[in-house]
Amino acid sequence: MLIFVMHLLGDASSPYIIGEISDFFRDGADDNLTQWVSLRNALMLTPFVAALGGAAFLFAAMFIIQDRRRAEETIESMKISNDIGLYEKI
């Protein structure tokens, strides 16, 4: 399901989005040079978005160790409280 959503949002919709951006840059001009330049400018968005995604990944990676420790501590505290609760019932 996740792969389907990724392809739906990325592979299926990206040509449409690039086309809309290219049409925005073209601004009604019909000569071939303007069409090529507008498509080139629209395609330059791809590396920019990839760089933003990489930056977001690196930002999230700074917190992964801290978050994992917190999650493990929470799980351990839940196990301890569950064990205490079982012993109290006996």
N, C-alpha and C. Protein backbone atom coordinates (compact mmCIF):
# COMPACT_ATOMS: atom_id res chain seq x y z
N MET A 1 0.83 -1.20 0.00
CA MET A 1 0.00 0.00 0.00
C MET A 1 0.87 1.26 0.00
N LEU A 2 1.95 1.24 0.78
CA LEU A 2 2.82 2.40 0.84
C LEU A 2 3.47 2.68 -0.52
N ILE A 3 3.87 1.62 -1.21
CA ILE A 3 4.48 1.79 -2.54
C ILE A 3 3.46 2.40 -3.50
N PHE A 4 2.21 1.95 -3.40
CA PHE A 4 1.17 2.49 -4.25
C PHE A 4 1.00 3.99 -4.03
N VAL A 5 0.94 4.39 -2.77
CA VAL A 5 0.77 5.82 -2.45
C VAL A 5 1.97 6.62 -2.92
N MET A 6 3.18 6.07 -2.74
CA MET A 6 4.38 6.78 -3.19
C MET A 6 4.35 6.98 -4.70
N HIS A 7 3.98 5.95 -5.43
CA HIS A 7 3.91 6.08 -6.89
C HIS A 7 2.77 7.02 -7.31
N LEU A 8 1.68 6.96 -6.58
CA LEU A 8 0.55 7.83 -6.90
C LEU A 8 0.92 9.29 -6.72
N LEU A 9 1.59 9.60 -5.62
CA LEU A 9 1.94 10.99 -5.35
C LEU A 9 3.17 11.44 -6.12
N GLY A 10 4.07 10.52 -6.45
CA GLY A 10 5.30 10.91 -7.12
C GLY A 10 5.28 10.66 -8.61
N ASP A 11 5.28 9.40 -9.00
CA ASP A 11 5.41 9.05 -10.41
C ASP A 11 4.19 9.44 -11.23
N ALA A 12 3.01 9.27 -10.69
CA ALA A 12 1.81 9.54 -11.47
C ALA A 12 1.49 11.03 -11.58
N SER A 13 1.75 11.77 -10.53
CA SER A 13 1.36 13.17 -10.54
C SER A 13 2.47 14.12 -10.97
N SER A 14 3.72 13.68 -10.94
CA SER A 14 4.82 14.61 -11.23
C SER A 14 4.81 15.14 -12.67
N PRO A 15 4.50 14.35 -13.71
CA PRO A 15 4.45 14.95 -15.05
C PRO A 15 3.40 16.05 -15.16
N TYR A 16 2.27 15.85 -14.50
CA TYR A 16 1.22 16.88 -14.52
C TYR A 16 1.71 18.16 -13.82
N ILE A 17 2.34 17.99 -12.66
CA ILE A 17 2.81 19.16 -11.91
C ILE A 17 3.89 19.90 -12.69
N ILE A 18 4.83 19.16 -13.30
CA ILE A 18 5.89 19.79 -14.10
C ILE A 18 5.26 20.52 -15.29
N GLY A 19 4.26 19.92 -15.91
CA GLY A 19 3.58 20.57 -17.04
C GLY A 19 2.88 21.85 -16.63
N GLU A 20 2.22 21.83 -15.48
CA GLU A 20 1.55 23.04 -15.00
C GLU A 20 2.56 24.14 -14.69
N ILE A 21 3.68 23.79 -14.09
CA ILE A 21 4.72 24.78 -13.80
C ILE A 21 5.30 25.33 -15.09
N SER A 22 5.53 24.45 -16.07
CA SER A 22 6.05 24.88 -17.37
C SER A 22 5.08 25.84 -18.05
N ASP A 23 3.79 25.53 -18.00
CA ASP A 23 2.79 26.42 -18.59
C ASP A 23 2.76 27.77 -17.87
N PHE A 24 2.98 27.76 -16.56
CA PHE A 24 3.02 29.01 -15.81
C PHE A 24 4.21 29.86 -16.26
N PHE A 25 5.38 29.23 -16.45
CA PHE A 25 6.56 29.97 -16.89
C PHE A 25 6.43 30.45 -18.33
N ARG A 26 5.72 29.68 -19.16
CA ARG A 26 5.59 30.04 -20.57
C ARG A 26 4.76 31.29 -20.75
N ASP A 27 3.74 31.46 -19.95
CA ASP A 27 2.92 32.67 -19.93
C ASP A 27 2.34 33.01 -21.29
N GLY A 28 1.84 31.99 -22.02
CA GLY A 28 1.13 32.22 -23.27
C GLY A 28 1.98 32.31 -24.52
N ALA A 29 3.30 32.32 -24.42
CA ALA A 29 4.16 32.39 -25.62
C ALA A 29 4.13 31.04 -26.33
N ASP A 30 4.16 31.07 -27.67
CA ASP A 30 4.05 29.83 -28.44
C ASP A 30 5.31 29.47 -29.22
N ASP A 31 6.36 30.27 -29.15
CA ASP A 31 7.55 29.91 -29.92
C ASP A 31 8.30 28.78 -29.21
N ASN A 32 9.06 28.03 -29.99
CA ASN A 32 9.73 26.82 -29.48
C ASN A 32 10.77 27.13 -28.41
N LEU A 33 11.49 28.22 -28.55
CA LEU A 33 12.51 28.55 -27.56
C LEU A 33 11.89 28.82 -26.20
N THR A 34 10.81 29.57 -26.17
CA THR A 34 10.15 29.87 -24.91
C THR A 34 9.57 28.60 -24.27
N GLN A 35 9.02 27.71 -25.09
CA GLN A 35 8.51 26.44 -24.56
C GLN A 35 9.64 25.61 -23.96
N TRP A 36 10.79 25.57 -24.65
CA TRP A 36 11.92 24.81 -24.14
C TRP A 36 12.46 25.39 -22.84
N VAL A 37 12.59 26.70 -22.80
CA VAL A 37 13.10 27.37 -21.60
C VAL A 37 12.15 27.17 -20.43
N SER A 38 10.85 27.27 -20.67
CA SER A 38 9.89 27.09 -19.58
C SER A 38 9.91 25.65 -19.07
N LEU A 39 10.05 24.67 -19.96
CA LEU A 39 10.14 23.27 -19.53
C LEU A 39 11.44 23.03 -18.77
N ARG A 40 12.53 23.63 -19.23
CA ARG A 40 13.81 23.50 -18.53
C ARG A 40 13.71 24.07 -17.11
N ASN A 41 13.10 25.23 -17.00
CA ASN A 41 12.94 25.86 -15.68
C ASN A 41 12.05 25.01 -14.77
N ALA A 42 11.01 24.43 -15.32
CA ALA A 42 10.13 23.59 -14.52
C ALA A 42 10.86 22.33 -14.05
N LEU A 43 11.69 21.77 -14.90
CA LEU A 43 12.43 20.56 -14.51
C LEU A 43 13.52 20.85 -13.50
N MET A 44 13.94 22.10 -13.38
CA MET A 44 14.93 22.45 -12.35
C MET A 44 14.34 22.36 -10.95
N LEU A 45 13.04 22.27 -10.86
CA LEU A 45 12.40 22.10 -9.57
C LEU A 45 12.73 20.73 -8.95
N THR A 46 12.96 19.74 -9.78
CA THR A 46 13.22 18.38 -9.29
C THR A 46 14.44 18.30 -8.39
N PRO A 47 15.62 18.79 -8.80
CA PRO A 47 16.76 18.71 -7.88
C PRO A 47 16.57 19.56 -6.62
N PHE A 48 15.83 20.65 -6.74
CA PHE A 48 15.57 21.48 -5.57
C PHE A 48 14.72 20.72 -4.55
N VAL A 49 13.69 20.04 -5.01
CA VAL A 49 12.83 19.26 -4.11
C VAL A 49 13.62 18.09 -3.53
N ALA A 50 14.47 17.47 -4.33
CA ALA A 50 15.30 16.37 -3.82
C ALA A 50 16.25 16.87 -2.74
N ALA A 51 16.81 18.06 -2.92
CA ALA A 51 17.70 18.63 -1.90
C ALA A 51 16.93 18.94 -0.63
N LEU A 52 15.71 19.44 -0.75
CA LEU A 52 14.89 19.68 0.43
C LEU A 52 14.57 18.38 1.17
N GLY A 53 14.28 17.33 0.40
CA GLY A 53 14.03 16.03 1.02
C GLY A 53 15.25 15.49 1.73
N GLY A 54 16.43 15.67 1.12
CA GLY A 54 17.67 15.25 1.77
C GLY A 54 17.94 16.02 3.04
N ALA A 55 17.67 17.31 3.01
CA ALA A 55 17.86 18.14 4.22
C ALA A 55 16.89 17.71 5.32
N ALA A 56 15.66 17.41 4.95
CA ALA A 56 14.68 16.95 5.94
C ALA A 56 15.12 15.60 6.54
N PHE A 57 15.67 14.72 5.71
CA PHE A 57 16.16 13.43 6.20
C PHE A 57 17.32 13.64 7.18
N LEU A 58 18.26 14.50 6.84
CA LEU A 58 19.39 14.75 7.74
C LEU A 58 18.94 15.40 9.04
N PHE A 59 17.96 16.29 8.97
CA PHE A 59 17.43 16.91 10.18
C PHE A 59 16.78 15.86 11.08
N ALA A 60 16.01 14.95 10.47
CA ALA A 60 15.36 13.89 11.25
C ALA A 60 16.40 12.91 11.81
N ALA A 61 17.47 12.68 11.08
CA ALA A 61 18.51 11.75 11.53
C ALA A 61 19.22 12.25 12.78
N MET A 62 19.23 13.56 13.00
CA MET A 62 19.88 14.10 14.20
C MET A 62 19.15 13.66 15.47
N PHE A 63 17.87 13.33 15.37
CA PHE A 63 17.07 13.02 16.54
C PHE A 63 16.76 11.53 16.69
N ILE A 64 17.19 10.69 15.77
CA ILE A 64 16.79 9.30 15.78
C ILE A 64 17.32 8.55 17.00
N ILE A 65 18.55 8.80 17.41
CA ILE A 65 19.11 8.09 18.56
C ILE A 65 18.39 8.51 19.84
N GLN A 66 18.17 9.79 20.01
CA GLN A 66 17.46 10.29 21.19
C GLN A 66 16.04 9.74 21.24
N ASP A 67 15.35 9.73 20.10
CA ASP A 67 13.98 9.23 20.07
C ASP A 67 13.93 7.73 20.34
N ARG A 68 14.90 6.99 19.84
CA ARG A 68 14.93 5.55 20.08
C ARG A 68 15.14 5.26 21.57
N ARG A 69 16.04 6.00 22.20
CA ARG A 69 16.26 5.80 23.64
C ARG A 69 14.99 6.10 24.44
N ARG A 70 14.32 7.17 24.07
CA ARG A 70 13.07 7.51 24.76
C ARG A 70 12.02 6.41 24.58
N ALA A 71 11.92 5.89 23.38
CA ALA A 71 10.95 4.83 23.11
C ALA A 71 11.29 3.57 23.91
N GLU A 72 12.57 3.21 23.96
CA GLU A 72 12.97 2.04 24.74
C GLU A 72 12.70 2.23 26.22
N GLU A 73 12.96 3.44 26.74
CA GLU A 73 12.69 3.73 28.15
C GLU A 73 11.19 3.64 28.44
N THR A 74 10.39 4.13 27.53
CA THR A 74 8.94 4.07 27.71
C THR A 74 8.46 2.63 27.72
N ILE A 75 8.98 1.82 26.80
CA ILE A 75 8.58 0.41 26.75
C ILE A 75 9.00 -0.30 28.02
N GLU A 76 10.21 -0.03 28.50
CA GLU A 76 10.68 -0.66 29.74
C GLU A 76 9.83 -0.24 30.93
N SER A 77 9.47 1.03 31.01
CA SER A 77 8.65 1.48 32.13
C SER A 77 7.26 0.87 32.07
N MET A 78 6.75 0.66 30.87
CA MET A 78 5.44 0.01 30.74
C MET A 78 5.52 -1.45 31.17
N LYS A 79 6.62 -2.12 30.83
CA LYS A 79 6.79 -3.51 31.24
C LYS A 79 6.87 -3.61 32.76
N ILE A 80 7.62 -2.72 33.37
CA ILE A 80 7.77 -2.74 34.83
C ILE A 80 6.43 -2.47 35.51
N SER A 81 5.69 -1.48 35.03
CA SER A 81 4.40 -1.18 35.64
C SER A 81 3.40 -2.31 35.43
N ASN A 82 3.46 -3.00 34.30
CA ASN A 82 2.59 -4.15 34.07
C ASN A 82 2.96 -5.30 34.99
N ASP A 83 4.26 -5.52 35.19
CA ASP A 83 4.70 -6.58 36.10
C ASP A 83 4.27 -6.30 37.53
N ILE A 84 4.39 -5.07 37.96
CA ILE A 84 3.96 -4.70 39.31
C ILE A 84 2.47 -4.89 39.45
N GLY A 85 1.72 -4.53 38.44
CA GLY A 85 0.27 -4.72 38.48
C GLY A 85 -0.12 -6.17 38.58
N LEU A 86 0.62 -7.07 37.91
CA LEU A 86 0.34 -8.49 37.98
C LEU A 86 0.62 -9.03 39.38
N TYR A 87 1.69 -8.59 40.02
CA TYR A 87 2.05 -9.07 41.35
C TYR A 87 1.08 -8.56 42.40
N GLU A 88 0.51 -7.39 42.21
CA GLU A 88 -0.44 -6.87 43.17
C GLU A 88 -1.73 -7.66 43.18
N LYS A 89 -2.09 -8.21 42.03
CA LYS A 89 -3.34 -8.99 41.94
C LYS A 89 -3.20 -10.35 42.61
N ILE A 90 -1.99 -10.85 42.72
CA ILE A 90 -1.77 -12.18 43.30
C ILE A 90 -1.81 -12.10 44.76
